N, C-alpha and C. Protein backbone atom coordinates (compact mmCIF):
# COMPACT_ATOMS: atom_id res chain seq x y z
N MET A 1 105.46 80.21 86.18
CA MET A 1 105.74 81.60 85.90
C MET A 1 104.54 82.44 86.32
N ARG A 2 104.82 83.63 86.80
CA ARG A 2 103.75 84.46 87.33
C ARG A 2 103.83 85.89 86.79
N LEU A 3 102.75 86.32 86.17
CA LEU A 3 102.60 87.67 85.65
C LEU A 3 101.62 88.42 86.55
N VAL A 4 102.02 89.59 87.01
CA VAL A 4 101.13 90.43 87.82
C VAL A 4 100.90 91.73 87.05
N LEU A 5 99.64 92.07 86.85
CA LEU A 5 99.24 93.30 86.15
C LEU A 5 98.66 94.27 87.18
N ILE A 6 99.21 95.47 87.22
CA ILE A 6 98.82 96.44 88.26
C ILE A 6 98.28 97.72 87.62
N ASN A 7 97.10 98.13 88.08
CA ASN A 7 96.53 99.43 87.75
C ASN A 7 96.77 100.33 88.96
N PRO A 8 97.72 101.27 88.89
CA PRO A 8 98.04 102.10 90.05
C PRO A 8 96.89 103.01 90.47
N ARG A 9 96.92 103.39 91.73
CA ARG A 9 95.95 104.33 92.27
C ARG A 9 96.02 105.62 91.47
N ASN A 10 94.86 106.19 91.20
CA ASN A 10 94.76 107.46 90.48
C ASN A 10 94.26 108.52 91.44
N PRO A 11 95.08 109.51 91.78
CA PRO A 11 94.64 110.52 92.74
C PRO A 11 93.60 111.48 92.18
N VAL A 12 93.42 111.46 90.86
CA VAL A 12 92.46 112.36 90.21
C VAL A 12 91.39 111.53 89.54
N SER A 13 90.13 111.77 89.90
CA SER A 13 89.04 111.05 89.26
C SER A 13 88.13 112.06 88.58
N LEU A 14 88.03 111.94 87.27
CA LEU A 14 87.16 112.84 86.53
C LEU A 14 85.72 112.35 86.51
N TYR A 15 85.51 111.13 86.98
CA TYR A 15 84.20 110.51 86.88
C TYR A 15 83.60 110.19 88.24
N GLY A 16 83.96 110.92 89.26
CA GLY A 16 83.39 110.69 90.57
C GLY A 16 83.77 109.33 91.12
N GLU A 17 82.78 108.55 91.46
CA GLU A 17 83.02 107.27 92.10
C GLU A 17 82.95 106.09 91.14
N TYR A 18 82.90 106.34 89.86
CA TYR A 18 82.86 105.26 88.88
C TYR A 18 84.22 104.59 88.78
N LEU A 19 84.21 103.28 88.71
CA LEU A 19 85.44 102.50 88.57
C LEU A 19 85.32 101.60 87.36
N TRP A 20 86.43 101.40 86.68
CA TRP A 20 86.45 100.44 85.57
C TRP A 20 87.83 99.83 85.50
N GLN A 21 87.87 98.58 85.11
CA GLN A 21 89.15 97.91 84.94
C GLN A 21 89.69 98.20 83.55
N PRO A 22 90.97 98.47 83.45
CA PRO A 22 91.53 98.70 82.12
C PRO A 22 91.30 97.50 81.21
N LEU A 23 90.79 97.73 80.02
CA LEU A 23 90.55 96.64 79.07
C LEU A 23 91.83 95.91 78.71
N ALA A 24 92.94 96.62 78.75
CA ALA A 24 94.23 96.01 78.38
C ALA A 24 94.52 94.77 79.22
N PHE A 25 94.14 94.79 80.48
CA PHE A 25 94.43 93.64 81.35
C PHE A 25 93.79 92.37 80.82
N GLY A 26 92.55 92.47 80.37
CA GLY A 26 91.87 91.30 79.82
C GLY A 26 92.54 90.78 78.57
N TYR A 27 92.96 91.70 77.70
CA TYR A 27 93.66 91.30 76.47
C TYR A 27 94.99 90.63 76.79
N VAL A 28 95.76 91.22 77.67
CA VAL A 28 97.07 90.66 78.02
C VAL A 28 96.90 89.30 78.68
N ALA A 29 95.96 89.19 79.61
CA ALA A 29 95.72 87.91 80.28
C ALA A 29 95.30 86.84 79.28
N ALA A 30 94.50 87.21 78.29
CA ALA A 30 94.00 86.24 77.31
C ALA A 30 95.10 85.68 76.42
N VAL A 31 96.14 86.44 76.15
CA VAL A 31 97.21 85.96 75.27
C VAL A 31 98.45 85.48 76.03
N THR A 32 98.36 85.48 77.35
CA THR A 32 99.47 84.97 78.16
C THR A 32 99.52 83.46 78.03
N PRO A 33 100.70 82.88 77.83
CA PRO A 33 100.80 81.42 77.69
C PRO A 33 100.16 80.70 78.88
N PRO A 34 99.56 79.54 78.64
CA PRO A 34 98.81 78.85 79.68
C PRO A 34 99.64 78.39 80.88
N HIS A 35 100.95 78.26 80.73
CA HIS A 35 101.75 77.83 81.88
C HIS A 35 102.08 78.99 82.82
N TRP A 36 101.63 80.19 82.50
CA TRP A 36 101.79 81.36 83.37
C TRP A 36 100.50 81.55 84.17
N THR A 37 100.62 81.98 85.41
CA THR A 37 99.46 82.43 86.17
C THR A 37 99.43 83.96 86.07
N VAL A 38 98.23 84.51 86.07
CA VAL A 38 98.06 85.95 85.94
C VAL A 38 97.27 86.46 87.14
N GLU A 39 97.79 87.49 87.79
CA GLU A 39 97.09 88.14 88.89
C GLU A 39 96.84 89.59 88.49
N LEU A 40 95.63 90.06 88.73
CA LEU A 40 95.27 91.46 88.45
C LEU A 40 95.14 92.20 89.78
N ILE A 41 95.81 93.33 89.89
CA ILE A 41 95.71 94.17 91.09
C ILE A 41 95.24 95.54 90.64
N ASP A 42 94.11 95.97 91.17
CA ASP A 42 93.56 97.28 90.82
C ASP A 42 93.55 98.14 92.07
N GLU A 43 94.51 99.05 92.17
CA GLU A 43 94.59 99.91 93.35
C GLU A 43 93.41 100.88 93.44
N GLN A 44 92.70 101.09 92.35
CA GLN A 44 91.51 101.92 92.41
C GLN A 44 90.44 101.26 93.27
N VAL A 45 90.45 99.93 93.29
CA VAL A 45 89.48 99.17 94.08
C VAL A 45 90.07 98.79 95.43
N GLU A 46 91.29 98.27 95.41
CA GLU A 46 91.92 97.72 96.61
C GLU A 46 92.69 98.73 97.43
N GLY A 47 92.98 99.89 96.85
CA GLY A 47 93.81 100.88 97.53
C GLY A 47 95.29 100.61 97.31
N ALA A 48 96.09 101.63 97.56
CA ALA A 48 97.54 101.50 97.40
C ALA A 48 98.07 100.52 98.44
N ARG A 49 99.13 99.82 98.07
CA ARG A 49 99.72 98.87 99.00
C ARG A 49 101.22 98.80 98.77
N ASP A 50 101.89 98.11 99.65
CA ASP A 50 103.32 97.90 99.54
C ASP A 50 103.56 96.60 98.77
N TYR A 51 104.50 96.61 97.85
CA TYR A 51 104.76 95.43 97.03
C TYR A 51 106.06 94.73 97.42
N GLY A 52 106.53 95.00 98.63
CA GLY A 52 107.77 94.40 99.10
C GLY A 52 107.76 92.89 99.12
N GLY A 53 106.62 92.28 99.33
CA GLY A 53 106.52 90.83 99.38
C GLY A 53 105.95 90.20 98.13
N LEU A 54 105.71 90.99 97.10
CA LEU A 54 105.11 90.47 95.88
C LEU A 54 106.06 89.51 95.18
N GLU A 55 105.55 88.35 94.82
CA GLU A 55 106.31 87.36 94.06
C GLU A 55 105.81 87.40 92.62
N ALA A 56 106.70 87.68 91.69
CA ALA A 56 106.32 87.74 90.27
C ALA A 56 107.56 87.53 89.41
N ASP A 57 107.34 86.95 88.25
CA ASP A 57 108.41 86.83 87.26
C ASP A 57 108.41 88.03 86.32
N LEU A 58 107.26 88.69 86.22
CA LEU A 58 107.12 89.87 85.38
C LEU A 58 105.93 90.67 85.88
N VAL A 59 106.07 92.00 85.87
CA VAL A 59 104.97 92.88 86.27
C VAL A 59 104.66 93.83 85.13
N GLY A 60 103.38 94.00 84.85
CA GLY A 60 102.92 94.97 83.87
C GLY A 60 102.18 96.08 84.59
N LEU A 61 102.52 97.31 84.27
CA LEU A 61 101.86 98.49 84.84
C LEU A 61 101.22 99.28 83.71
N THR A 62 100.03 99.78 83.95
CA THR A 62 99.39 100.70 83.01
C THR A 62 99.24 102.03 83.73
N ALA A 63 99.22 103.13 82.98
CA ALA A 63 99.09 104.42 83.67
C ALA A 63 98.61 105.52 82.74
N PHE A 64 97.62 106.26 83.24
CA PHE A 64 97.34 107.59 82.72
C PHE A 64 98.43 108.50 83.31
N THR A 65 98.57 109.70 82.81
CA THR A 65 99.59 110.60 83.34
C THR A 65 99.36 110.90 84.81
N THR A 66 98.11 110.99 85.23
CA THR A 66 97.83 111.24 86.65
C THR A 66 98.26 110.08 87.54
N GLN A 67 98.40 108.90 86.97
CA GLN A 67 98.83 107.72 87.72
C GLN A 67 100.34 107.51 87.66
N ALA A 68 101.03 108.25 86.81
CA ALA A 68 102.46 108.01 86.57
C ALA A 68 103.31 108.07 87.84
N PRO A 69 103.15 109.06 88.72
CA PRO A 69 104.00 109.06 89.92
C PRO A 69 103.85 107.77 90.74
N ARG A 70 102.64 107.29 90.88
CA ARG A 70 102.43 106.05 91.63
C ARG A 70 103.00 104.86 90.85
N ALA A 71 102.83 104.83 89.54
CA ALA A 71 103.39 103.75 88.73
C ALA A 71 104.90 103.72 88.86
N TYR A 72 105.54 104.89 88.83
CA TYR A 72 106.99 104.95 88.97
C TYR A 72 107.44 104.46 90.35
N GLU A 73 106.67 104.80 91.36
CA GLU A 73 106.97 104.35 92.73
C GLU A 73 106.91 102.82 92.81
N ILE A 74 105.86 102.24 92.26
CA ILE A 74 105.71 100.78 92.26
C ILE A 74 106.85 100.14 91.47
N ALA A 75 107.14 100.68 90.29
CA ALA A 75 108.20 100.12 89.44
C ALA A 75 109.54 100.15 90.15
N ALA A 76 109.86 101.24 90.83
CA ALA A 76 111.14 101.34 91.54
C ALA A 76 111.24 100.29 92.62
N GLN A 77 110.16 100.09 93.35
CA GLN A 77 110.16 99.09 94.42
C GLN A 77 110.40 97.69 93.86
N LEU A 78 109.74 97.36 92.77
CA LEU A 78 109.86 96.02 92.18
C LEU A 78 111.21 95.83 91.49
N ARG A 79 111.65 96.81 90.74
CA ARG A 79 112.92 96.70 90.03
C ARG A 79 114.09 96.60 90.99
N SER A 80 113.99 97.23 92.16
CA SER A 80 115.07 97.13 93.15
C SER A 80 115.22 95.71 93.67
N ARG A 81 114.17 94.91 93.49
CA ARG A 81 114.20 93.50 93.91
C ARG A 81 114.47 92.58 92.72
N GLY A 82 114.76 93.14 91.57
CA GLY A 82 115.09 92.34 90.39
C GLY A 82 113.90 91.83 89.61
N ILE A 83 112.72 92.36 89.88
CA ILE A 83 111.52 91.96 89.14
C ILE A 83 111.39 92.87 87.92
N PRO A 84 111.40 92.31 86.71
CA PRO A 84 111.27 93.16 85.52
C PRO A 84 109.87 93.77 85.40
N VAL A 85 109.85 95.01 84.94
CA VAL A 85 108.60 95.77 84.83
C VAL A 85 108.42 96.25 83.39
N VAL A 86 107.23 95.99 82.85
CA VAL A 86 106.82 96.53 81.55
C VAL A 86 105.75 97.57 81.83
N MET A 87 105.91 98.76 81.26
CA MET A 87 104.93 99.81 81.47
C MET A 87 104.22 100.12 80.16
N GLY A 88 102.91 100.26 80.24
CA GLY A 88 102.11 100.61 79.09
C GLY A 88 101.08 101.65 79.47
N GLY A 89 100.14 101.87 78.60
CA GLY A 89 99.12 102.88 78.85
C GLY A 89 99.44 104.16 78.11
N ILE A 90 98.54 105.09 78.18
CA ILE A 90 98.67 106.33 77.43
C ILE A 90 99.91 107.12 77.85
N HIS A 91 100.24 107.11 79.13
CA HIS A 91 101.40 107.87 79.59
C HIS A 91 102.69 107.33 78.96
N ALA A 92 102.88 106.02 79.00
CA ALA A 92 104.09 105.42 78.42
C ALA A 92 104.15 105.67 76.91
N SER A 93 103.00 105.68 76.27
CA SER A 93 102.97 105.92 74.82
C SER A 93 103.31 107.36 74.46
N LEU A 94 102.88 108.30 75.29
CA LEU A 94 103.08 109.72 74.97
C LEU A 94 104.39 110.30 75.49
N VAL A 95 104.90 109.76 76.58
CA VAL A 95 106.11 110.30 77.21
C VAL A 95 107.14 109.17 77.32
N GLN A 96 107.52 108.63 76.19
CA GLN A 96 108.35 107.43 76.15
C GLN A 96 109.70 107.61 76.83
N ASP A 97 110.38 108.72 76.59
CA ASP A 97 111.70 108.93 77.18
C ASP A 97 111.63 108.94 78.70
N GLU A 98 110.62 109.59 79.25
CA GLU A 98 110.47 109.63 80.70
C GLU A 98 110.11 108.26 81.24
N ALA A 99 109.09 107.63 80.66
CA ALA A 99 108.63 106.33 81.16
C ALA A 99 109.73 105.27 81.08
N ALA A 100 110.56 105.33 80.05
CA ALA A 100 111.62 104.33 79.86
C ALA A 100 112.63 104.35 81.00
N GLN A 101 112.74 105.45 81.70
CA GLN A 101 113.66 105.53 82.84
C GLN A 101 113.15 104.73 84.04
N HIS A 102 111.88 104.35 84.01
CA HIS A 102 111.26 103.70 85.16
C HIS A 102 110.82 102.27 84.89
N ALA A 103 111.13 101.75 83.72
CA ALA A 103 110.68 100.40 83.35
C ALA A 103 111.78 99.69 82.57
N ASP A 104 111.68 98.38 82.52
CA ASP A 104 112.62 97.58 81.74
C ASP A 104 112.21 97.54 80.27
N ALA A 105 110.93 97.73 80.01
CA ALA A 105 110.42 97.75 78.64
C ALA A 105 109.12 98.55 78.64
N LEU A 106 108.79 99.12 77.49
CA LEU A 106 107.54 99.85 77.32
C LEU A 106 106.68 99.15 76.30
N PHE A 107 105.37 99.17 76.53
CA PHE A 107 104.41 98.74 75.51
C PHE A 107 103.78 100.01 74.97
N ILE A 108 104.04 100.29 73.72
CA ILE A 108 103.59 101.54 73.10
C ILE A 108 102.36 101.26 72.23
N GLY A 109 101.34 102.08 72.39
CA GLY A 109 100.14 101.95 71.57
C GLY A 109 99.09 101.06 72.22
N GLU A 110 98.12 100.68 71.42
CA GLU A 110 96.99 99.88 71.89
C GLU A 110 97.37 98.41 72.00
N CYS A 111 97.00 97.78 73.10
CA CYS A 111 97.36 96.36 73.28
C CYS A 111 96.47 95.42 72.47
N GLU A 112 95.41 95.94 71.90
CA GLU A 112 94.55 95.10 71.07
C GLU A 112 95.29 94.53 69.86
N THR A 113 96.43 95.12 69.53
CA THR A 113 97.22 94.65 68.39
C THR A 113 98.18 93.52 68.77
N LEU A 114 98.14 93.10 70.02
CA LEU A 114 99.03 92.02 70.49
C LEU A 114 98.91 90.78 69.62
């Protein structure tokens, strides 16, 4: 089984050239069952890409509101191929009705409570 966690590209940076990986990815990876492989993709570092060839059993997306359009774009591409998408992050927590239209499930709140 393969879990892919994606941090979408953020077109707005309030901190200049500083980059950081979402802490949620580490927490989720740590509690993922050992028979699953976990891949982390950070578009802030790697740049935006096409996910047409991505192989995954489940994809997790996190998003600030500024990242939401890109997260929705990624989710649509993956869901059209039958890959289930879970969306979390502050945007999904604050705008649940909107985010739910673009994901198979939402993770609401802080993932530290997993």
